[in-house]
Amino acid sequence: GVMHAGWRATALGMPGIGAELKARTSHVGPWV
């Protein structure tokens, strides 16, 4: 398949909580 890397690519493994983390997870990653 071909799919966006998803919120895990931008959220996990990086510091952040609350609104800042939510904002970052709203952006999907690149197509893989």
ModelCIF file with pLDDT and N, C-alpha, C, O atoms, coordinates in Angstrom:
data_MODEL
#
_entry.id   MODEL 
#
_entity.id                         1 
_entity.type                       polymer 
_entity.pdbx_number_of_molecules   1 
#
_entity_poly.entity_id                      1 
_entity_poly.type                           'polypeptide(L)' 
_entity_poly.nstd_linkage                   no 
_entity_poly.nstd_monomer                   no 
_entity_poly.pdbx_seq_one_letter_code       GVMHAGWRATALGMPGIGAELKARTSHVGPWV 
_entity_poly.pdbx_seq_one_letter_code_can   GVMHAGWRATALGMPGIGAELKARTSHVGPWV 
_entity_poly.pdbx_strand_id                 A 
#
loop_
_entity_poly_seq.entity_id 
_entity_poly_seq.num 
_entity_poly_seq.mon_id 
_entity_poly_seq.hetero 
1 1  GLY n 
1 2  VAL n 
1 3  MET n 
1 4  HIS n 
1 5  ALA n 
1 6  GLY n 
1 7  TRP n 
1 8  ARG n 
1 9  ALA n 
1 10 THR n 
1 11 ALA n 
1 12 LEU n 
1 13 GLY n 
1 14 MET n 
1 15 PRO n 
1 16 GLY n 
1 17 ILE n 
1 18 GLY n 
1 19 ALA n 
1 20 GLU n 
1 21 LEU n 
1 22 LYS n 
1 23 ALA n 
1 24 ARG n 
1 25 THR n 
1 26 SER n 
1 27 HIS n 
1 28 VAL n 
1 29 GLY n 
1 30 PRO n 
1 31 TRP n 
1 32 VAL n 
#
_struct_asym.id          A 
_struct_asym.entity_id   1 
#
loop_
_ma_qa_metric.id 
_ma_qa_metric.mode 
_ma_qa_metric.name 
_ma_qa_metric.software_group_id 
_ma_qa_metric.type 
1 global pLDDT . pLDDT 
2 local  pLDDT . pLDDT 
#
_ma_qa_metric_global.metric_id      1 
_ma_qa_metric_global.metric_value   73.03 
_ma_qa_metric_global.model_id       1 
_ma_qa_metric_global.ordinal_id     1 
#
loop_
_ma_qa_metric_local.label_asym_id 
_ma_qa_metric_local.label_comp_id 
_ma_qa_metric_local.label_seq_id 
_ma_qa_metric_local.metric_id 
_ma_qa_metric_local.metric_value 
_ma_qa_metric_local.model_id 
_ma_qa_metric_local.ordinal_id 
A GLY 1  2 96.00 1 1  
A VAL 2  2 95.00 1 2  
A MET 3  2 91.00 1 3  
A HIS 4  2 86.00 1 4  
A ALA 5  2 80.00 1 5  
A GLY 6  2 69.00 1 6  
A TRP 7  2 60.00 1 7  
A ARG 8  2 60.00 1 8  
A ALA 9  2 55.00 1 9  
A THR 10 2 58.00 1 10 
A ALA 11 2 60.00 1 11 
A LEU 12 2 56.00 1 12 
A GLY 13 2 57.00 1 13 
A MET 14 2 65.00 1 14 
A PRO 15 2 71.00 1 15 
A GLY 16 2 72.00 1 16 
A ILE 17 2 76.00 1 17 
A GLY 18 2 78.00 1 18 
A ALA 19 2 82.00 1 19 
A GLU 20 2 75.00 1 20 
A LEU 21 2 72.00 1 21 
A LYS 22 2 72.00 1 22 
A ALA 23 2 71.00 1 23 
A ARG 24 2 68.00 1 24 
A THR 25 2 66.00 1 25 
A SER 26 2 63.00 1 26 
A HIS 27 2 63.00 1 27 
A VAL 28 2 71.00 1 28 
A GLY 29 2 76.00 1 29 
A PRO 30 2 86.00 1 30 
A TRP 31 2 92.00 1 31 
A VAL 32 2 95.00 1 32 
#
loop_
_atom_site.group_PDB 
_atom_site.id 
_atom_site.type_symbol 
_atom_site.label_atom_id 
_atom_site.label_alt_id 
_atom_site.label_comp_id 
_atom_site.label_asym_id 
_atom_site.label_entity_id 
_atom_site.label_seq_id 
_atom_site.pdbx_PDB_ins_code 
_atom_site.Cartn_x 
_atom_site.Cartn_y 
_atom_site.Cartn_z 
_atom_site.occupancy 
_atom_site.B_iso_or_equiv 
_atom_site.pdbx_formal_charge 
_atom_site.auth_seq_id 
_atom_site.auth_comp_id 
_atom_site.auth_asym_id 
_atom_site.auth_atom_id 
_atom_site.pdbx_PDB_model_num 
ATOM 1   N N  . GLY A 1 1  ? 0.817  -1.197 0.000  1.00 96.00 ? 1  GLY A N  1 
ATOM 2   C CA . GLY A 1 1  ? 0.000  0.000  0.000  1.00 96.00 ? 1  GLY A CA 1 
ATOM 3   C C  . GLY A 1 1  ? 0.855  1.252  0.000  1.00 96.00 ? 1  GLY A C  1 
ATOM 4   O O  . GLY A 1 1  ? 2.076  1.200  0.147  1.00 96.00 ? 1  GLY A O  1 
ATOM 5   N N  . VAL A 1 2  ? 0.183  2.372  -0.168 1.00 95.00 ? 2  VAL A N  1 
ATOM 6   C CA . VAL A 1 2  ? 0.818  3.686  -0.072 1.00 95.00 ? 2  VAL A CA 1 
ATOM 7   C C  . VAL A 1 2  ? -0.022 4.489  0.905  1.00 95.00 ? 2  VAL A C  1 
ATOM 8   O O  . VAL A 1 2  ? -1.234 4.614  0.728  1.00 95.00 ? 2  VAL A O  1 
ATOM 9   N N  . MET A 1 3  ? 0.597  5.020  1.908  1.00 91.00 ? 3  MET A N  1 
ATOM 10  C CA . MET A 1 3  ? -0.162 5.737  2.935  1.00 91.00 ? 3  MET A CA 1 
ATOM 11  C C  . MET A 1 3  ? 0.696  6.817  3.572  1.00 91.00 ? 3  MET A C  1 
ATOM 12  O O  . MET A 1 3  ? 1.925  6.806  3.487  1.00 91.00 ? 3  MET A O  1 
ATOM 13  N N  . HIS A 1 4  ? 0.003  7.749  4.211  1.00 86.00 ? 4  HIS A N  1 
ATOM 14  C CA . HIS A 1 4  ? 0.733  8.751  4.977  1.00 86.00 ? 4  HIS A CA 1 
ATOM 15  C C  . HIS A 1 4  ? 1.363  8.095  6.190  1.00 86.00 ? 4  HIS A C  1 
ATOM 16  O O  . HIS A 1 4  ? 0.785  7.191  6.794  1.00 86.00 ? 4  HIS A O  1 
ATOM 17  N N  . ALA A 1 5  ? 2.552  8.558  6.540  1.00 80.00 ? 5  ALA A N  1 
ATOM 18  C CA . ALA A 1 5  ? 3.225  8.027  7.717  1.00 80.00 ? 5  ALA A CA 1 
ATOM 19  C C  . ALA A 1 5  ? 2.391  8.252  8.973  1.00 80.00 ? 5  ALA A C  1 
ATOM 20  O O  . ALA A 1 5  ? 2.518  7.504  9.942  1.00 80.00 ? 5  ALA A O  1 
ATOM 21  N N  . GLY A 1 6  ? 1.536  9.280  8.964  1.00 69.00 ? 6  GLY A N  1 
ATOM 22  C CA . GLY A 1 6  ? 0.581  9.468  10.052 1.00 69.00 ? 6  GLY A CA 1 
ATOM 23  C C  . GLY A 1 6  ? 1.140  10.262 11.212 1.00 69.00 ? 6  GLY A C  1 
ATOM 24  O O  . GLY A 1 6  ? 2.301  10.674 11.218 1.00 69.00 ? 6  GLY A O  1 
ATOM 25  N N  . TRP A 1 7  ? 0.271  10.466 12.202 1.00 60.00 ? 7  TRP A N  1 
ATOM 26  C CA . TRP A 1 7  ? 0.636  11.330 13.319 1.00 60.00 ? 7  TRP A CA 1 
ATOM 27  C C  . TRP A 1 7  ? 1.786  10.770 14.150 1.00 60.00 ? 7  TRP A C  1 
ATOM 28  O O  . TRP A 1 7  ? 2.500  11.531 14.803 1.00 60.00 ? 7  TRP A O  1 
ATOM 29  N N  . ARG A 1 8  ? 1.975  9.451  14.134 1.00 60.00 ? 8  ARG A N  1 
ATOM 30  C CA . ARG A 1 8  ? 3.058  8.890  14.938 1.00 60.00 ? 8  ARG A CA 1 
ATOM 31  C C  . ARG A 1 8  ? 4.420  9.401  14.475 1.00 60.00 ? 8  ARG A C  1 
ATOM 32  O O  . ARG A 1 8  ? 5.344  9.545  15.275 1.00 60.00 ? 8  ARG A O  1 
ATOM 33  N N  . ALA A 1 9  ? 4.531  9.673  13.169 1.00 55.00 ? 9  ALA A N  1 
ATOM 34  C CA . ALA A 1 9  ? 5.814  10.150 12.645 1.00 55.00 ? 9  ALA A CA 1 
ATOM 35  C C  . ALA A 1 9  ? 6.172  11.527 13.176 1.00 55.00 ? 9  ALA A C  1 
ATOM 36  O O  . ALA A 1 9  ? 7.350  11.869 13.278 1.00 55.00 ? 9  ALA A O  1 
ATOM 37  N N  . THR A 1 10 ? 5.160  12.318 13.515 1.00 58.00 ? 10 THR A N  1 
ATOM 38  C CA . THR A 1 10 ? 5.442  13.673 13.987 1.00 58.00 ? 10 THR A CA 1 
ATOM 39  C C  . THR A 1 10 ? 5.267  13.828 15.485 1.00 58.00 ? 10 THR A C  1 
ATOM 40  O O  . THR A 1 10 ? 5.641  14.858 16.047 1.00 58.00 ? 10 THR A O  1 
ATOM 41  N N  . ALA A 1 11 ? 4.703  12.819 16.145 1.00 60.00 ? 11 ALA A N  1 
ATOM 42  C CA . ALA A 1 11 ? 4.399  12.959 17.568 1.00 60.00 ? 11 ALA A CA 1 
ATOM 43  C C  . ALA A 1 11 ? 5.281  12.118 18.470 1.00 60.00 ? 11 ALA A C  1 
ATOM 44  O O  . ALA A 1 11 ? 5.708  12.586 19.526 1.00 60.00 ? 11 ALA A O  1 
ATOM 45  N N  . LEU A 1 12 ? 5.562  10.889 18.075 1.00 56.00 ? 12 LEU A N  1 
ATOM 46  C CA . LEU A 1 12 ? 6.303  10.007 18.959 1.00 56.00 ? 12 LEU A CA 1 
ATOM 47  C C  . LEU A 1 12 ? 7.806  10.263 18.856 1.00 56.00 ? 12 LEU A C  1 
ATOM 48  O O  . LEU A 1 12 ? 8.326  10.624 17.800 1.00 56.00 ? 12 LEU A O  1 
ATOM 49  N N  . GLY A 1 13 ? 8.472  10.069 19.967 1.00 57.00 ? 13 GLY A N  1 
ATOM 50  C CA . GLY A 1 13 ? 9.920  10.225 19.976 1.00 57.00 ? 13 GLY A CA 1 
ATOM 51  C C  . GLY A 1 13 ? 10.387 11.664 20.028 1.00 57.00 ? 13 GLY A C  1 
ATOM 52  O O  . GLY A 1 13 ? 11.583 11.932 19.912 1.00 57.00 ? 13 GLY A O  1 
ATOM 53  N N  . MET A 1 14 ? 9.454  12.600 20.202 1.00 65.00 ? 14 MET A N  1 
ATOM 54  C CA . MET A 1 14 ? 9.805  14.016 20.295 1.00 65.00 ? 14 MET A CA 1 
ATOM 55  C C  . MET A 1 14 ? 9.129  14.602 21.527 1.00 65.00 ? 14 MET A C  1 
ATOM 56  O O  . MET A 1 14 ? 8.015  14.201 21.862 1.00 65.00 ? 14 MET A O  1 
ATOM 57  N N  . PRO A 1 15 ? 9.777  15.540 22.206 1.00 71.00 ? 15 PRO A N  1 
ATOM 58  C CA . PRO A 1 15 ? 9.171  16.114 23.415 1.00 71.00 ? 15 PRO A CA 1 
ATOM 59  C C  . PRO A 1 15 ? 7.949  16.957 23.078 1.00 71.00 ? 15 PRO A C  1 
ATOM 60  O O  . PRO A 1 15 ? 7.827  17.486 21.973 1.00 71.00 ? 15 PRO A O  1 
ATOM 61  N N  . GLY A 1 16 ? 7.049  17.073 24.047 1.00 72.00 ? 16 GLY A N  1 
ATOM 62  C CA . GLY A 1 16 ? 5.886  17.928 23.856 1.00 72.00 ? 16 GLY A CA 1 
ATOM 63  C C  . GLY A 1 16 ? 4.675  17.395 24.588 1.00 72.00 ? 16 GLY A C  1 
ATOM 64  O O  . GLY A 1 16 ? 4.499  16.183 24.711 1.00 72.00 ? 16 GLY A O  1 
ATOM 65  N N  . ILE A 1 17 ? 3.834  18.302 25.077 1.00 76.00 ? 17 ILE A N  1 
ATOM 66  C CA . ILE A 1 17 ? 2.581  17.945 25.725 1.00 76.00 ? 17 ILE A CA 1 
ATOM 67  C C  . ILE A 1 17 ? 1.518  18.962 25.344 1.00 76.00 ? 17 ILE A C  1 
ATOM 68  O O  . ILE A 1 17 ? 1.818  20.024 24.798 1.00 76.00 ? 17 ILE A O  1 
ATOM 69  N N  . GLY A 1 18 ? 0.257  18.614 25.645 1.00 78.00 ? 18 GLY A N  1 
ATOM 70  C CA . GLY A 1 18 ? -0.833 19.566 25.517 1.00 78.00 ? 18 GLY A CA 1 
ATOM 71  C C  . GLY A 1 18 ? -1.073 20.077 24.119 1.00 78.00 ? 18 GLY A C  1 
ATOM 72  O O  . GLY A 1 18 ? -0.997 19.331 23.143 1.00 78.00 ? 18 GLY A O  1 
ATOM 73  N N  . ALA A 1 19 ? -1.372 21.395 24.031 1.00 82.00 ? 19 ALA A N  1 
ATOM 74  C CA . ALA A 1 19 ? -1.772 22.011 22.759 1.00 82.00 ? 19 ALA A CA 1 
ATOM 75  C C  . ALA A 1 19 ? -0.689 21.888 21.699 1.00 82.00 ? 19 ALA A C  1 
ATOM 76  O O  . ALA A 1 19 ? -0.975 21.669 20.522 1.00 82.00 ? 19 ALA A O  1 
ATOM 77  N N  . GLU A 1 20 ? 0.562  22.033 22.137 1.00 75.00 ? 20 GLU A N  1 
ATOM 78  C CA . GLU A 1 20 ? 1.661  21.979 21.164 1.00 75.00 ? 20 GLU A CA 1 
ATOM 79  C C  . GLU A 1 20 ? 1.764  20.586 20.535 1.00 75.00 ? 20 GLU A C  1 
ATOM 80  O O  . GLU A 1 20 ? 2.012  20.458 19.336 1.00 75.00 ? 20 GLU A O  1 
ATOM 81  N N  . LEU A 1 21 ? 1.570  19.537 21.357 1.00 72.00 ? 21 LEU A N  1 
ATOM 82  C CA . LEU A 1 21 ? 1.603  18.163 20.850 1.00 72.00 ? 21 LEU A CA 1 
ATOM 83  C C  . LEU A 1 21 ? 0.414  17.906 19.928 1.00 72.00 ? 21 LEU A C  1 
ATOM 84  O O  . LEU A 1 21 ? 0.563  17.287 18.874 1.00 72.00 ? 21 LEU A O  1 
ATOM 85  N N  . LYS A 1 22 ? -0.769 18.383 20.329 1.00 72.00 ? 22 LYS A N  1 
ATOM 86  C CA . LYS A 1 22 ? -1.960 18.190 19.497 1.00 72.00 ? 22 LYS A CA 1 
ATOM 87  C C  . LYS A 1 22 ? -1.797 18.860 18.141 1.00 72.00 ? 22 LYS A C  1 
ATOM 88  O O  . LYS A 1 22 ? -2.189 18.309 17.112 1.00 72.00 ? 22 LYS A O  1 
ATOM 89  N N  . ALA A 1 23 ? -1.215 20.053 18.151 1.00 71.00 ? 23 ALA A N  1 
ATOM 90  C CA . ALA A 1 23 ? -1.018 20.775 16.888 1.00 71.00 ? 23 ALA A CA 1 
ATOM 91  C C  . ALA A 1 23 ? -0.088 19.996 15.965 1.00 71.00 ? 23 ALA A C  1 
ATOM 92  O O  . ALA A 1 23 ? -0.294 19.943 14.753 1.00 71.00 ? 23 ALA A O  1 
ATOM 93  N N  . ARG A 1 24 ? 0.930  19.397 16.557 1.00 68.00 ? 24 ARG A N  1 
ATOM 94  C CA . ARG A 1 24 ? 1.889  18.654 15.749 1.00 68.00 ? 24 ARG A CA 1 
ATOM 95  C C  . ARG A 1 24 ? 1.263  17.382 15.169 1.00 68.00 ? 24 ARG A C  1 
ATOM 96  O O  . ARG A 1 24 ? 1.586  16.985 14.049 1.00 68.00 ? 24 ARG A O  1 
ATOM 97  N N  . THR A 1 25 ? 0.372  16.749 15.928 1.00 66.00 ? 25 THR A N  1 
ATOM 98  C CA . THR A 1 25 ? -0.239 15.512 15.435 1.00 66.00 ? 25 THR A CA 1 
ATOM 99  C C  . THR A 1 25 ? -1.292 15.761 14.371 1.00 66.00 ? 25 THR A C  1 
ATOM 100 O O  . THR A 1 25 ? -1.737 14.816 13.719 1.00 66.00 ? 25 THR A O  1 
ATOM 101 N N  . SER A 1 26 ? -1.701 17.003 14.179 1.00 63.00 ? 26 SER A N  1 
ATOM 102 C CA . SER A 1 26 ? -2.701 17.282 13.150 1.00 63.00 ? 26 SER A CA 1 
ATOM 103 C C  . SER A 1 26 ? -2.111 17.247 11.757 1.00 63.00 ? 26 SER A C  1 
ATOM 104 O O  . SER A 1 26 ? -2.849 17.257 10.772 1.00 63.00 ? 26 SER A O  1 
ATOM 105 N N  . HIS A 1 27 ? -0.803 17.208 11.658 1.00 63.00 ? 27 HIS A N  1 
ATOM 106 C CA . HIS A 1 27 ? -0.138 17.179 10.352 1.00 63.00 ? 27 HIS A CA 1 
ATOM 107 C C  . HIS A 1 27 ? 0.295  15.756 10.036 1.00 63.00 ? 27 HIS A C  1 
ATOM 108 O O  . HIS A 1 27 ? 1.083  15.159 10.770 1.00 63.00 ? 27 HIS A O  1 
ATOM 109 N N  . VAL A 1 28 ? -0.220 15.219 8.946  1.00 71.00 ? 28 VAL A N  1 
ATOM 110 C CA . VAL A 1 28 ? 0.164  13.872 8.561  1.00 71.00 ? 28 VAL A CA 1 
ATOM 111 C C  . VAL A 1 28 ? 1.573  13.881 7.995  1.00 71.00 ? 28 VAL A C  1 
ATOM 112 O O  . VAL A 1 28 ? 2.051  14.898 7.492  1.00 71.00 ? 28 VAL A O  1 
ATOM 113 N N  . GLY A 1 29 ? 2.224  12.743 8.085  1.00 76.00 ? 29 GLY A N  1 
ATOM 114 C CA . GLY A 1 29 ? 3.576  12.624 7.573  1.00 76.00 ? 29 GLY A CA 1 
ATOM 115 C C  . GLY A 1 29 ? 3.603  12.435 6.064  1.00 76.00 ? 29 GLY A C  1 
ATOM 116 O O  . GLY A 1 29 ? 2.568  12.546 5.408  1.00 76.00 ? 29 GLY A O  1 
ATOM 117 N N  . PRO A 1 30 ? 4.772  12.153 5.509  1.00 86.00 ? 30 PRO A N  1 
ATOM 118 C CA . PRO A 1 30 ? 4.903  11.975 4.055  1.00 86.00 ? 30 PRO A CA 1 
ATOM 119 C C  . PRO A 1 30 ? 4.276  10.667 3.601  1.00 86.00 ? 30 PRO A C  1 
ATOM 120 O O  . PRO A 1 30 ? 4.023  9.772  4.408  1.00 86.00 ? 30 PRO A O  1 
ATOM 121 N N  . TRP A 1 31 ? 4.030  10.568 2.303  1.00 92.00 ? 31 TRP A N  1 
ATOM 122 C CA . TRP A 1 31 ? 3.541  9.309  1.742  1.00 92.00 ? 31 TRP A CA 1 
ATOM 123 C C  . TRP A 1 31 ? 4.657  8.265  1.786  1.00 92.00 ? 31 TRP A C  1 
ATOM 124 O O  . TRP A 1 31 ? 5.805  8.545  1.441  1.00 92.00 ? 31 TRP A O  1 
ATOM 125 N N  . VAL A 1 32 ? 4.296  7.060  2.219  1.00 95.00 ? 32 VAL A N  1 
ATOM 126 C CA . VAL A 1 32 ? 5.240  5.945  2.286  1.00 95.00 ? 32 VAL A CA 1 
ATOM 127 C C  . VAL A 1 32 ? 4.658  4.777  1.485  1.00 95.00 ? 32 VAL A C  1 
ATOM 128 O O  . VAL A 1 32 ? 5.280  3.719  1.397  1.00 95.00 ? 32 VAL A O  1 
#
